[in-house]
Amino acid sequence: MPRATNAPATRERRKGVLKKAKGYRGRRSKLFRYAKDATMKGQYWAYRDRKTRKRTFRYLWIQRLNAAARANGISYSRFAEGLKAAGIGLDRKVLSDLAVSDQAAFKSIVDQVKSALETKSKKAA
């Protein structure tokens, strides 16, 4: 009985890996053994860094909001507290975009936040 190796499936699998490794330098794009390691590492980094990108953008939005809020005379933490008190449901991404592109609209939001904080402090006192 001849030995069956299932060569077509193996060839397809290896071709797929080499296709993913297209554009890599040297043996990483030519030889299956090295292409397999390179693509596995690349997929690992891509998965990990998709999570990291979300984190770093959130940091960026918070930094922009902090700078814009302080330019309007309020700290970021008080600004966030005032947003909740005023019932403004805009997220950090939209708010930071407003702070950068439309400063008049952001100023009006800051004014609403300040008035909401004043009413909150009057209720507490």
PDB file of N, CA and C in Angstrom:
ATOM      1  N   MET A   1       0.847  -1.188   0.000  1.00  0.00           N
ATOM      2  CA  MET A   1       0.000   0.000   0.000  1.00  0.00           C
ATOM      3  C   MET A   1       0.889   1.246   0.000  1.00  0.00           C
ATOM      4  N   PRO A   2       0.717   2.136  -0.974  1.00  0.00           N
ATOM      5  CA  PRO A   2       1.552   3.338  -1.013  1.00  0.00           C
ATOM      6  C   PRO A   2       1.192   4.316   0.123  1.00  0.00           C
ATOM      7  N   ARG A   3       2.164   5.100   0.477  1.00  0.00           N
ATOM      8  CA  ARG A   3       1.981   6.065   1.563  1.00  0.00           C
ATOM      9  C   ARG A   3       1.206   7.280   1.053  1.00  0.00           C
ATOM     10  N   ALA A   4       0.123   7.641   1.741  1.00  0.00           N
ATOM     11  CA  ALA A   4      -0.675   8.807   1.358  1.00  0.00           C
ATOM     12  C   ALA A   4      -0.225  10.000   2.206  1.00  0.00           C
ATOM     13  N   THR A   5       0.108  11.125   1.558  1.00  0.00           N
ATOM     14  CA  THR A   5       0.631  12.282   2.283  1.00  0.00           C
ATOM     15  C   THR A   5      -0.335  13.459   2.301  1.00  0.00           C
ATOM     16  N   ASN A   6      -1.397  13.378   1.538  1.00  0.00           N
ATOM     17  CA  ASN A   6      -2.337  14.495   1.406  1.00  0.00           C
ATOM     18  C   ASN A   6      -1.605  15.756   0.956  1.00  0.00           C
ATOM     19  N   ALA A   7      -0.791  15.598  -0.072  1.00  0.00           N
ATOM     20  CA  ALA A   7       0.037  16.697  -0.574  1.00  0.00           C
ATOM     21  C   ALA A   7      -0.762  17.920  -1.023  1.00  0.00           C
ATOM     22  N   PRO A   8      -1.929  17.765  -1.683  1.00  0.00           N
ATOM     23  CA  PRO A   8      -2.652  18.969  -2.110  1.00  0.00           C
ATOM     24  C   PRO A   8      -3.032  19.889  -0.944  1.00  0.00           C
ATOM     25  N   ALA A   9      -3.480  19.320   0.167  1.00  0.00           N
ATOM     26  CA  ALA A   9      -3.871  20.148   1.317  1.00  0.00           C
ATOM     27  C   ALA A   9      -2.653  20.831   1.921  1.00  0.00           C
ATOM     28  N   THR A  10      -1.538  20.111   2.011  1.00  0.00           N
ATOM     29  CA  THR A  10      -0.315  20.694   2.559  1.00  0.00           C
ATOM     30  C   THR A  10       0.171  21.841   1.688  1.00  0.00           C
ATOM     31  N   ARG A  11       0.122  21.617   0.360  1.00  0.00           N
ATOM     32  CA  ARG A  11       0.562  22.655  -0.569  1.00  0.00           C
ATOM     33  C   ARG A  11      -0.313  23.905  -0.436  1.00  0.00           C
ATOM     34  N   GLU A  12      -1.626  23.714  -0.331  1.00  0.00           N
ATOM     35  CA  GLU A  12      -2.544  24.849  -0.183  1.00  0.00           C
ATOM     36  C   GLU A  12      -2.241  25.625   1.096  1.00  0.00           C
ATOM     37  N   ARG A  13      -2.045  24.904   2.182  1.00  0.00           N
ATOM     38  CA  ARG A  13      -1.766  25.546   3.464  1.00  0.00           C
ATOM     39  C   ARG A  13      -0.471  26.349   3.386  1.00  0.00           C
ATOM     40  N   ARG A  14       0.548  25.765   2.781  1.00  0.00           N
ATOM     41  CA  ARG A  14       1.833  26.463   2.686  1.00  0.00           C
ATOM     42  C   ARG A  14       1.747  27.660   1.751  1.00  0.00           C
ATOM     43  N   LYS A  15       0.988  27.513   0.662  1.00  0.00           N
ATOM     44  CA  LYS A  15       0.806  28.643  -0.248  1.00  0.00           C
ATOM     45  C   LYS A  15       0.099  29.799   0.456  1.00  0.00           C
ATOM     46  N   GLY A  16      -0.868  29.459   1.303  1.00  0.00           N
ATOM     47  CA  GLY A  16      -1.592  30.497   2.048  1.00  0.00           C
ATOM     48  C   GLY A  16      -0.684  31.263   2.981  1.00  0.00           C
ATOM     49  N   VAL A  17       0.203  30.540   3.659  1.00  0.00           N
ATOM     50  CA  VAL A  17       1.138  31.190   4.578  1.00  0.00           C
ATOM     51  C   VAL A  17       2.095  32.087   3.801  1.00  0.00           C
ATOM     52  N   LEU A  18       2.608  31.575   2.663  1.00  0.00           N
ATOM     53  CA  LEU A  18       3.533  32.379   1.857  1.00  0.00           C
ATOM     54  C   LEU A  18       2.836  33.604   1.269  1.00  0.00           C
ATOM     55  N   LYS A  19       1.556  33.468   0.968  1.00  0.00           N
ATOM     56  CA  LYS A  19       0.800  34.605   0.441  1.00  0.00           C
ATOM     57  C   LYS A  19       0.653  35.688   1.520  1.00  0.00           C
ATOM     58  N   LYS A  20       0.423  35.259   2.764  1.00  0.00           N
ATOM     59  CA  LYS A  20       0.336  36.216   3.874  1.00  0.00           C
ATOM     60  C   LYS A  20       1.662  36.916   4.108  1.00  0.00           C
ATOM     61  N   ALA A  21       2.771  36.201   3.829  1.00  0.00           N
ATOM     62  CA  ALA A  21       4.107  36.744   4.099  1.00  0.00           C
ATOM     63  C   ALA A  21       4.629  37.586   2.942  1.00  0.00           C
ATOM     64  N   LYS A  22       3.802  37.815   1.932  1.00  0.00           N
ATOM     65  CA  LYS A  22       4.233  38.613   0.788  1.00  0.00           C
ATOM     66  C   LYS A  22       4.590  40.023   1.267  1.00  0.00           C
ATOM     67  N   GLY A  23       5.733  40.515   0.817  1.00  0.00           N
ATOM     68  CA  GLY A  23       6.179  41.840   1.223  1.00  0.00           C
ATOM     69  C   GLY A  23       7.203  41.819   2.338  1.00  0.00           C
ATOM     70  N   TYR A  24       7.389  40.673   2.985  1.00  0.00           N
ATOM     71  CA  TYR A  24       8.418  40.558   4.008  1.00  0.00           C
ATOM     72  C   TYR A  24       9.777  40.459   3.321  1.00  0.00           C
ATOM     73  N   ARG A  25      10.846  40.788   4.048  1.00  0.00           N
ATOM     74  CA  ARG A  25      12.193  40.792   3.468  1.00  0.00           C
ATOM     75  C   ARG A  25      12.832  39.416   3.535  1.00  0.00           C
ATOM     76  N   GLY A  26      13.549  39.087   2.470  1.00  0.00           N
ATOM     77  CA  GLY A  26      14.407  37.909   2.461  1.00  0.00           C
ATOM     78  C   GLY A  26      13.669  36.592   2.606  1.00  0.00           C
ATOM     79  N   ARG A  27      14.254  35.683   3.391  1.00  0.00           N
ATOM     80  CA  ARG A  27      13.700  34.331   3.498  1.00  0.00           C
ATOM     81  C   ARG A  27      12.346  34.314   4.191  1.00  0.00           C
ATOM     82  N   ARG A  28      11.987  35.400   4.889  1.00  0.00           N
ATOM     83  CA  ARG A  28      10.694  35.445   5.570  1.00  0.00           C
ATOM     84  C   ARG A  28       9.535  35.413   4.587  1.00  0.00           C
ATOM     85  N   SER A  29       9.786  35.791   3.338  1.00  0.00           N
ATOM     86  CA  SER A  29       8.718  35.749   2.341  1.00  0.00           C
ATOM     87  C   SER A  29       8.887  34.607   1.347  1.00  0.00           C
ATOM     88  N   LYS A  30      10.032  33.908   1.394  1.00  0.00           N
ATOM     89  CA  LYS A  30      10.309  32.883   0.391  1.00  0.00           C
ATOM     90  C   LYS A  30      10.183  31.457   0.927  1.00  0.00           C
ATOM     91  N   LEU A  31      10.597  31.232   2.161  1.00  0.00           N
ATOM     92  CA  LEU A  31      10.659  29.888   2.722  1.00  0.00           C
ATOM     93  C   LEU A  31       9.566  29.689   3.766  1.00  0.00           C
ATOM     94  N   PHE A  32       8.861  28.569   3.642  1.00  0.00           N
ATOM     95  CA  PHE A  32       7.704  28.315   4.505  1.00  0.00           C
ATOM     96  C   PHE A  32       8.056  28.361   5.985  1.00  0.00           C
ATOM     97  N   ARG A  33       9.152  27.752   6.339  1.00  0.00           N
ATOM     98  CA  ARG A  33       9.535  27.648   7.749  1.00  0.00           C
ATOM     99  C   ARG A  33       9.641  29.025   8.405  1.00  0.00           C
ATOM    100  N   TYR A  34      10.253  29.962   7.713  1.00  0.00           N
ATOM    101  CA  TYR A  34      10.448  31.300   8.265  1.00  0.00           C
ATOM    102  C   TYR A  34       9.214  32.167   8.066  1.00  0.00           C
ATOM    103  N   ALA A  35       8.510  31.939   6.972  1.00  0.00           N
ATOM    104  CA  ALA A  35       7.288  32.699   6.716  1.00  0.00           C
ATOM    105  C   ALA A  35       6.227  32.382   7.763  1.00  0.00           C
ATOM    106  N   LYS A  36       6.174  31.118   8.192  1.00  0.00           N
ATOM    107  CA  LYS A  36       5.201  30.707   9.207  1.00  0.00           C
ATOM    108  C   LYS A  36       5.436  31.477  10.505  1.00  0.00           C
ATOM    109  N   ASP A  37       6.691  31.534  10.942  1.00  0.00           N
ATOM    110  CA  ASP A  37       7.011  32.258  12.175  1.00  0.00           C
ATOM    111  C   ASP A  37       6.722  33.751  12.025  1.00  0.00           C
ATOM    112  N   ALA A  38       7.086  34.304  10.868  1.00  0.00           N
ATOM    113  CA  ALA A  38       6.901  35.742  10.655  1.00  0.00           C
ATOM    114  C   ALA A  38       5.418  36.112  10.647  1.00  0.00           C
ATOM    115  N   THR A  39       4.586  35.300   9.985  1.00  0.00           N
ATOM    116  CA  THR A  39       3.159  35.625   9.932  1.00  0.00           C
ATOM    117  C   THR A  39       2.499  35.416  11.291  1.00  0.00           C
ATOM    118  N   MET A  40       2.931  34.389  12.028  1.00  0.00           N
ATOM    119  CA  MET A  40       2.364  34.185  13.363  1.00  0.00           C
ATOM    120  C   MET A  40       2.680  35.367  14.269  1.00  0.00           C
ATOM    121  N   LYS A  41       3.914  35.848  14.203  1.00  0.00           N
ATOM    122  CA  LYS A  41       4.298  37.003  15.003  1.00  0.00           C
ATOM    123  C   LYS A  41       3.538  38.243  14.558  1.00  0.00           C
ATOM    124  N   GLY A  42       3.409  38.402  13.241  1.00  0.00           N
ATOM    125  CA  GLY A  42       2.688  39.565  12.714  1.00  0.00           C
ATOM    126  C   GLY A  42       1.240  39.577  13.154  1.00  0.00           C
ATOM    127  N   GLN A  43       0.595  38.410  13.137  1.00  0.00           N
ATOM    128  CA  GLN A  43      -0.804  38.339  13.567  1.00  0.00           C
ATOM    129  C   GLN A  43      -0.925  38.601  15.068  1.00  0.00           C
ATOM    130  N   TYR A  44       0.027  38.124  15.831  1.00  0.00           N
ATOM    131  CA  TYR A  44       0.031  38.371  17.277  1.00  0.00           C
ATOM    132  C   TYR A  44       0.145  39.861  17.557  1.00  0.00           C
ATOM    133  N   TRP A  45       1.082  40.527  16.862  1.00  0.00           N
ATOM    134  CA  TRP A  45       1.265  41.965  17.060  1.00  0.00           C
ATOM    135  C   TRP A  45       0.044  42.747  16.618  1.00  0.00           C
ATOM    136  N   ALA A  46      -0.552  42.333  15.490  1.00  0.00           N
ATOM    137  CA  ALA A  46      -1.720  43.049  14.988  1.00  0.00           C
ATOM    138  C   ALA A  46      -2.868  42.964  15.985  1.00  0.00           C
ATOM    139  N   TYR A  47      -3.096  41.778  16.529  1.00  0.00           N
ATOM    140  CA  TYR A  47      -4.175  41.589  17.506  1.00  0.00           C
ATOM    141  C   TYR A  47      -3.918  42.431  18.759  1.00  0.00           C
ATOM    142  N   ARG A  48      -2.681  42.353  19.264  1.00  0.00           N
ATOM    143  CA  ARG A  48      -2.321  43.091  20.476  1.00  0.00           C
ATOM    144  C   ARG A  48      -2.438  44.595  20.256  1.00  0.00           C
ATOM    145  N   ASP A  49      -1.958  45.060  19.119  1.00  0.00           N
ATOM    146  CA  ASP A  49      -1.898  46.501  18.901  1.00  0.00           C
ATOM    147  C   ASP A  49      -3.239  47.100  18.502  1.00  0.00           C
ATOM    148  N   ARG A  50      -4.187  46.270  18.068  1.00  0.00           N
ATOM    149  CA  ARG A  50      -5.545  46.794  17.876  1.00  0.00           C
ATOM    150  C   ARG A  50      -6.119  47.220  19.215  1.00  0.00           C
ATOM    151  N   LYS A  51      -5.807  46.483  20.269  1.00  0.00           N
ATOM    152  CA  LYS A  51      -6.253  46.854  21.612  1.00  0.00           C
ATOM    153  C   LYS A  51      -5.490  48.094  22.098  1.00  0.00           C
ATOM    154  N   THR A  52      -4.191  48.116  21.835  1.00  0.00           N
ATOM    155  CA  THR A  52      -3.362  49.232  22.288  1.00  0.00           C
ATOM    156  C   THR A  52      -3.778  50.531  21.613  1.00  0.00           C
ATOM    157  N   ARG A  53      -4.163  50.457  20.345  1.00  0.00           N
ATOM    158  CA  ARG A  53      -4.563  51.665  19.614  1.00  0.00           C
ATOM    159  C   ARG A  53      -5.773  52.319  20.272  1.00  0.00           C
ATOM    160  N   LYS A  54      -6.730  51.502  20.696  1.00  0.00           N
ATOM    161  CA  LYS A  54      -7.914  52.045  21.375  1.00  0.00           C
ATOM    162  C   LYS A  54      -7.507  52.775  22.659  1.00  0.00           C
ATOM    163  N   ARG A  55      -6.571  52.168  23.381  1.00  0.00           N
ATOM    164  CA  ARG A  55      -6.097  52.741  24.639  1.00  0.00           C
ATOM    165  C   ARG A  55      -5.391  54.072  24.402  1.00  0.00           C
ATOM    166  N   THR A  56      -4.495  54.108  23.412  1.00  0.00           N
ATOM    167  CA  THR A  56      -3.712  55.322  23.189  1.00  0.00           C
ATOM    168  C   THR A  56      -4.573  56.458  22.650  1.00  0.00           C
ATOM    169  N   PHE A  57      -5.579  56.125  21.835  1.00  0.00           N
ATOM    170  CA  PHE A  57      -6.472  57.184  21.364  1.00  0.00           C
ATOM    171  C   PHE A  57      -7.269  57.768  22.519  1.00  0.00           C
ATOM    172  N   ARG A  58      -7.683  56.920  23.455  1.00  0.00           N
ATOM    173  CA  ARG A  58      -8.402  57.425  24.628  1.00  0.00           C
ATOM    174  C   ARG A  58      -7.508  58.375  25.427  1.00  0.00           C
ATOM    175  N   TYR A  59      -6.219  58.017  25.600  1.00  0.00           N
ATOM    176  CA  TYR A  59      -5.282  58.907  26.284  1.00  0.00           C
ATOM    177  C   TYR A  59      -5.168  60.243  25.549  1.00  0.00           C
ATOM    178  N   LEU A  60      -5.097  60.190  24.234  1.00  0.00           N
ATOM    179  CA  LEU A  60      -4.974  61.410  23.434  1.00  0.00           C
ATOM    180  C   LEU A  60      -6.192  62.304  23.617  1.00  0.00           C
ATOM    181  N   TRP A  61      -7.399  61.696  23.562  1.00  0.00           N
ATOM    182  CA  TRP A  61      -8.631  62.482  23.725  1.00  0.00           C
ATOM    183  C   TRP A  61      -8.675  63.138  25.100  1.00  0.00           C
ATOM    184  N   ILE A  62      -8.253  62.408  26.126  1.00  0.00           N
ATOM    185  CA  ILE A  62      -8.275  62.963  27.478  1.00  0.00           C
ATOM    186  C   ILE A  62      -7.280  64.115  27.602  1.00  0.00           C
ATOM    187  N   GLN A  63      -6.102  63.975  26.993  1.00  0.00           N
ATOM    188  CA  GLN A  63      -5.116  65.058  27.039  1.00  0.00           C
ATOM    189  C   GLN A  63      -5.642  66.302  26.338  1.00  0.00           C
ATOM    190  N   ARG A  64      -6.279  66.114  25.180  1.00  0.00           N
ATOM    191  CA  ARG A  64      -6.846  67.258  24.457  1.00  0.00           C
ATOM    192  C   ARG A  64      -7.948  67.927  25.266  1.00  0.00           C
ATOM    193  N   LEU A  65      -8.805  67.117  25.878  1.00  0.00           N
ATOM    194  CA  LEU A  65      -9.888  67.681  26.684  1.00  0.00           C
ATOM    195  C   LEU A  65      -9.336  68.424  27.891  1.00  0.00           C
ATOM    196  N   ASN A  66      -8.315  67.879  28.512  1.00  0.00           N
ATOM    197  CA  ASN A  66      -7.712  68.529  29.669  1.00  0.00           C
ATOM    198  C   ASN A  66      -7.138  69.889  29.276  1.00  0.00           C
ATOM    199  N   ALA A  67      -6.422  69.928  28.154  1.00  0.00           N
ATOM    200  CA  ALA A  67      -5.833  71.194  27.704  1.00  0.00           C
ATOM    201  C   ALA A  67      -6.915  72.216  27.369  1.00  0.00           C
ATOM    202  N   ALA A  68      -7.954  71.774  26.660  1.00  0.00           N
ATOM    203  CA  ALA A  68      -9.023  72.695  26.260  1.00  0.00           C
ATOM    204  C   ALA A  68      -9.833  73.146  27.472  1.00  0.00           C
ATOM    205  N   ALA A  69     -10.079  72.233  28.415  1.00  0.00           N
ATOM    206  CA  ALA A  69     -10.841  72.602  29.609  1.00  0.00           C
ATOM    207  C   ALA A  69     -10.058  73.589  30.454  1.00  0.00           C
ATOM    208  N   ARG A  70      -8.757  73.350  30.606  1.00  0.00           N
ATOM    209  CA  ARG A  70      -7.934  74.270  31.400  1.00  0.00           C
ATOM    210  C   ARG A  70      -7.830  75.641  30.726  1.00  0.00           C
ATOM    211  N   ALA A  71      -7.876  75.673  29.403  1.00  0.00           N
ATOM    212  CA  ALA A  71      -7.877  76.953  28.697  1.00  0.00           C
ATOM    213  C   ALA A  71      -9.156  77.731  28.990  1.00  0.00           C
ATOM    214  N   ASN A  72     -10.214  76.989  29.355  1.00  0.00           N
ATOM    215  CA  ASN A  72     -11.483  77.625  29.700  1.00  0.00           C
ATOM    216  C   ASN A  72     -11.691  77.723  31.213  1.00  0.00           C
ATOM    217  N   GLY A  73     -10.643  77.469  31.991  1.00  0.00           N
ATOM    218  CA  GLY A  73     -10.683  77.714  33.424  1.00  0.00           C
ATOM    219  C   GLY A  73     -11.258  76.600  34.284  1.00  0.00           C
ATOM    220  N   ILE A  74     -11.142  75.359  33.844  1.00  0.00           N
ATOM    221  CA  ILE A  74     -11.657  74.229  34.628  1.00  0.00           C
ATOM    222  C   ILE A  74     -10.766  73.021  34.374  1.00  0.00           C
ATOM    223  N   SER A  75     -10.568  72.192  35.393  1.00  0.00           N
ATOM    224  CA  SER A  75      -9.729  71.009  35.204  1.00  0.00           C
ATOM    225  C   SER A  75     -10.534  69.904  34.527  1.00  0.00           C
ATOM    226  N   TYR A  76      -9.825  68.899  34.039  1.00  0.00           N
ATOM    227  CA  TYR A  76     -10.508  67.803  33.324  1.00  0.00           C
ATOM    228  C   TYR A  76     -11.425  67.020  34.248  1.00  0.00           C
ATOM    229  N   SER A  77     -10.973  66.760  35.471  1.00  0.00           N
ATOM    230  CA  SER A  77     -11.787  65.951  36.378  1.00  0.00           C
ATOM    231  C   SER A  77     -13.078  66.685  36.749  1.00  0.00           C
ATOM    232  N   ARG A  78     -12.986  67.994  36.983  1.00  0.00           N
ATOM    233  CA  ARG A  78     -14.194  68.789  37.256  1.00  0.00           C
ATOM    234  C   ARG A  78     -15.074  68.866  36.011  1.00  0.00           C
ATOM    235  N   PHE A  79     -14.450  68.930  34.852  1.00  0.00           N
ATOM    236  CA  PHE A  79     -15.190  68.952  33.589  1.00  0.00           C
ATOM    237  C   PHE A  79     -15.989  67.667  33.419  1.00  0.00           C
ATOM    238  N   ALA A  80     -15.351  66.535  33.708  1.00  0.00           N
ATOM    239  CA  ALA A  80     -16.031  65.240  33.582  1.00  0.00           C
ATOM    240  C   ALA A  80     -17.175  65.135  34.585  1.00  0.00           C
ATOM    241  N   GLU A  81     -16.955  65.623  35.795  1.00  0.00           N
ATOM    242  CA  GLU A  81     -18.009  65.617  36.815  1.00  0.00           C
ATOM    243  C   GLU A  81     -19.181  66.490  36.374  1.00  0.00           C
ATOM    244  N   GLY A  82     -18.858  67.646  35.803  1.00  0.00           N
ATOM    245  CA  GLY A  82     -19.901  68.564  35.337  1.00  0.00           C
ATOM    246  C   GLY A  82     -20.678  68.027  34.151  1.00  0.00           C
ATOM    247  N   LEU A  83     -20.009  67.281  33.286  1.00  0.00           N
ATOM    248  CA  LEU A  83     -20.708  66.661  32.154  1.00  0.00           C
ATOM    249  C   LEU A  83     -21.798  65.715  32.649  1.00  0.00           C
ATOM    250  N   LYS A  84     -21.447  64.935  33.655  1.00  0.00           N
ATOM    251  CA  LYS A  84     -22.417  63.994  34.218  1.00  0.00           C
ATOM    252  C   LYS A  84     -23.555  64.747  34.903  1.00  0.00           C
ATOM    253  N   ALA A  85     -23.215  65.807  35.634  1.00  0.00           N
ATOM    254  CA  ALA A  85     -24.226  66.588  36.338  1.00  0.00           C
ATOM    255  C   ALA A  85     -25.160  67.302  35.362  1.00  0.00           C
ATOM    256  N   ALA A  86     -24.605  67.759  34.237  1.00  0.00           N
ATOM    257  CA  ALA A  86     -25.416  68.465  33.243  1.00  0.00           C
ATOM    258  C   ALA A  86     -26.199  67.510  32.354  1.00  0.00           C
ATOM    259  N   GLY A  87     -25.867  66.233  32.413  1.00  0.00           N
ATOM    260  CA  GLY A  87     -26.565  65.244  31.585  1.00  0.00           C
ATOM    261  C   GLY A  87     -26.149  65.281  30.128  1.00  0.00           C
ATOM    262  N   ILE A  88     -24.912  65.698  29.893  1.00  0.00           N
ATOM    263  CA  ILE A  88     -24.388  65.745  28.521  1.00  0.00           C
ATOM    264  C   ILE A  88     -23.771  64.383  28.215  1.00  0.00           C
ATOM    265  N   GLY A  89     -24.306  63.706  27.208  1.00  0.00           N
ATOM    266  CA  GLY A  89     -23.889  62.337  26.931  1.00  0.00           C
ATOM    267  C   GLY A  89     -22.871  62.190  25.820  1.00  0.00           C
ATOM    268  N   LEU A  90     -22.123  63.240  25.520  1.00  0.00           N
ATOM    269  CA  LEU A  90     -21.106  63.142  24.465  1.00  0.00           C
ATOM    270  C   LEU A  90     -19.887  62.399  24.996  1.00  0.00           C
ATOM    271  N   ASP A  91     -19.284  61.575  24.147  1.00  0.00           N
ATOM    272  CA  ASP A  91     -18.105  60.827  24.581  1.00  0.00           C
ATOM    273  C   ASP A  91     -16.832  61.652  24.374  1.00  0.00           C
ATOM    274  N   ARG A  92     -15.730  61.102  24.855  1.00  0.00           N
ATOM    275  CA  ARG A  92     -14.457  61.829  24.813  1.00  0.00           C
ATOM    276  C   ARG A  92     -14.001  62.116  23.394  1.00  0.00           C
ATOM    277  N   LYS A  93     -14.265  61.185  22.486  1.00  0.00           N
ATOM    278  CA  LYS A  93     -13.837  61.359  21.096  1.00  0.00           C
ATOM    279  C   LYS A  93     -14.516  62.579  20.486  1.00  0.00           C
ATOM    280  N   VAL A  94     -15.810  62.681  20.642  1.00  0.00           N
ATOM    281  CA  VAL A  94     -16.567  63.798  20.058  1.00  0.00           C
ATOM    282  C   VAL A  94     -16.189  65.105  20.739  1.00  0.00           C
ATOM    283  N   LEU A  95     -16.073  65.067  22.061  1.00  0.00           N
ATOM    284  CA  LEU A  95     -15.715  66.285  22.792  1.00  0.00           C
ATOM    285  C   LEU A  95     -14.335  66.800  22.409  1.00  0.00           C
ATOM    286  N   SER A  96     -13.361  65.890  22.257  1.00  0.00           N
ATOM    287  CA  SER A  96     -12.013  66.340  21.890  1.00  0.00           C
ATOM    288  C   SER A  96     -11.999  66.887  20.468  1.00  0.00           C
ATOM    289  N   ASP A  97     -12.807  66.304  19.595  1.00  0.00           N
ATOM    290  CA  ASP A  97     -12.897  66.824  18.231  1.00  0.00           C
ATOM    291  C   ASP A  97     -13.505  68.224  18.248  1.00  0.00           C
ATOM    292  N   LEU A  98     -14.525  68.421  19.078  1.00  0.00           N
ATOM    293  CA  LEU A  98     -15.111  69.763  19.216  1.00  0.00           C
ATOM    294  C   LEU A  98     -14.083  70.746  19.768  1.00  0.00           C
ATOM    295  N   ALA A  99     -13.318  70.323  20.743  1.00  0.00           N
ATOM    296  CA  ALA A  99     -12.324  71.202  21.363  1.00  0.00           C
ATOM    297  C   ALA A  99     -11.278  71.656  20.350  1.00  0.00           C
ATOM    298  N   VAL A 100     -10.943  70.772  19.413  1.00  0.00           N
ATOM    299  CA  VAL A 100      -9.923  71.111  18.414  1.00  0.00           C
ATOM    300  C   VAL A 100     -10.516  71.917  17.261  1.00  0.00           C
ATOM    301  N   SER A 101     -11.670  71.482  16.755  1.00  0.00           N
ATOM    302  CA  SER A 101     -12.195  72.068  15.517  1.00  0.00           C
ATOM    303  C   SER A 101     -13.176  73.209  15.733  1.00  0.00           C
ATOM    304  N   ASP A 102     -14.000  73.157  16.794  1.00  0.00           N
ATOM    305  CA  ASP A 102     -15.038  74.170  17.005  1.00  0.00           C
ATOM    306  C   ASP A 102     -14.974  74.660  18.450  1.00  0.00           C
ATOM    307  N   GLN A 103     -14.110  75.654  18.686  1.00  0.00           N
ATOM    308  CA  GLN A 103     -13.864  76.089  20.048  1.00  0.00           C
ATOM    309  C   GLN A 103     -15.051  76.830  20.650  1.00  0.00           C
ATOM    310  N   ALA A 104     -15.860  77.477  19.816  1.00  0.00           N
ATOM    311  CA  ALA A 104     -17.031  78.186  20.333  1.00  0.00           C
ATOM    312  C   ALA A 104     -18.046  77.190  20.900  1.00  0.00           C
ATOM    313  N   ALA A 105     -18.265  76.096  20.190  1.00  0.00           N
ATOM    314  CA  ALA A 105     -19.196  75.069  20.675  1.00  0.00           C
ATOM    315  C   ALA A 105     -18.664  74.438  21.958  1.00  0.00           C
ATOM    316  N   PHE A 106     -17.365  74.206  22.017  1.00  0.00           N
ATOM    317  CA  PHE A 106     -16.782  73.625  23.230  1.00  0.00           C
ATOM    318  C   PHE A 106     -16.914  74.598  24.401  1.00  0.00           C
ATOM    319  N   LYS A 107     -16.747  75.892  24.124  1.00  0.00           N
ATOM    320  CA  LYS A 107     -16.900  76.892  25.186  1.00  0.00           C
ATOM    321  C   LYS A 107     -18.313  76.883  25.733  1.00  0.00           C
ATOM    322  N   SER A 108     -19.308  76.725  24.854  1.00  0.00           N
ATOM    323  CA  SER A 108     -20.697  76.683  25.333  1.00  0.00           C
ATOM    324  C   SER A 108     -20.938  75.439  26.193  1.00  0.00           C
ATOM    325  N   ILE A 109     -20.310  74.320  25.834  1.00  0.00           N
ATOM    326  CA  ILE A 109     -20.428  73.107  26.651  1.00  0.00           C
ATOM    327  C   ILE A 109     -19.778  73.334  28.020  1.00  0.00           C
ATOM    328  N   VAL A 110     -18.612  73.998  28.026  1.00  0.00           N
ATOM    329  CA  VAL A 110     -17.927  74.282  29.292  1.00  0.00           C
ATOM    330  C   VAL A 110     -18.796  75.192  30.161  1.00  0.00           C
ATOM    331  N   ASP A 111     -19.474  76.154  29.553  1.00  0.00           N
ATOM    332  CA  ASP A 111     -20.362  77.027  30.323  1.00  0.00           C
ATOM    333  C   ASP A 111     -21.519  76.237  30.938  1.00  0.00           C
ATOM    334  N   GLN A 112     -22.078  75.299  30.178  1.00  0.00           N
ATOM    335  CA  GLN A 112     -23.144  74.441  30.712  1.00  0.00           C
ATOM    336  C   GLN A 112     -22.616  73.600  31.878  1.00  0.00           C
ATOM    337  N   VAL A 113     -21.407  73.107  31.717  1.00  0.00           N
ATOM    338  CA  VAL A 113     -20.792  72.287  32.757  1.00  0.00           C
ATOM    339  C   VAL A 113     -20.587  73.104  34.027  1.00  0.00           C
ATOM    340  N   LYS A 114     -20.093  74.326  33.878  1.00  0.00           N
ATOM    341  CA  LYS A 114     -19.850  75.178  35.048  1.00  0.00           C
ATOM    342  C   LYS A 114     -21.146  75.501  35.773  1.00  0.00           C
ATOM    343  N   SER A 115     -22.199  75.785  35.014  1.00  0.00           N
ATOM    344  CA  SER A 115     -23.481  76.093  35.661  1.00  0.00           C
ATOM    345  C   SER A 115     -24.047  74.852  36.362  1.00  0.00           C
ATOM    346  N   ALA A 116     -23.868  73.675  35.769  1.00  0.00           N
ATOM    347  CA  ALA A 116     -24.336  72.446  36.403  1.00  0.00           C
ATOM    348  C   ALA A 116     -23.565  72.166  37.689  1.00  0.00           C
ATOM    349  N   LEU A 117     -22.264  72.469  37.687  1.00  0.00           N
ATOM    350  CA  LEU A 117     -21.459  72.276  38.901  1.00  0.00           C
ATOM    351  C   LEU A 117     -21.887  73.253  40.011  1.00  0.00           C
ATOM    352  N   GLU A 118     -22.238  74.468  39.608  1.00  0.00           N
ATOM    353  CA  GLU A 118     -22.700  75.465  40.596  1.00  0.00           C
ATOM    354  C   GLU A 118     -23.998  75.006  41.232  1.00  0.00           C
ATOM    355  N   THR A 119     -24.949  74.546  40.431  1.00  0.00           N
ATOM    356  CA  THR A 119     -26.233  74.089  40.980  1.00  0.00           C
ATOM    357  C   THR A 119     -26.025  72.848  41.852  1.00  0.00           C
ATOM    358  N   LYS A 120     -25.087  72.007  41.467  1.00  0.00           N
ATOM    359  CA  LYS A 120     -24.796  70.800  42.258  1.00  0.00           C
ATOM    360  C   LYS A 120     -24.234  71.176  43.625  1.00  0.00           C
ATOM    361  N   SER A 121     -23.320  72.171  43.636  1.00  0.00           N
ATOM    362  CA  SER A 121     -22.718  72.581  44.909  1.00  0.00           C
ATOM    363  C   SER A 121     -23.732  73.301  45.787  1.00  0.00           C
ATOM    364  N   LYS A 122     -24.690  74.029  45.185  1.00  0.00           N
ATOM    365  CA  LYS A 122     -25.744  74.698  45.966  1.00  0.00           C
ATOM    366  C   LYS A 122     -26.671  73.679  46.615  1.00  0.00           C
ATOM    367  N   LYS A 123     -26.970  72.589  45.877  1.00  0.00           N
ATOM    368  CA  LYS A 123     -27.824  71.534  46.424  1.00  0.00           C
ATOM    369  C   LYS A 123     -27.144  70.833  47.603  1.00  0.00           C
ATOM    370  N   ALA A 124     -25.839  70.657  47.479  1.00  0.00           N
ATOM    371  CA  ALA A 124     -25.097  69.961  48.536  1.00  0.00           C
ATOM    372  C   ALA A 124     -24.976  70.804  49.796  1.00  0.00           C
ATOM    373  N   ALA A 125     -24.944  72.125  49.621  1.00  0.00           N
ATOM    374  CA  ALA A 125     -24.758  73.029  50.777  1.00  0.00           C
ATOM    375  C   ALA A 125     -26.018  73.323  51.521  1.00  0.00           C
TER     376      ALA A 125
END
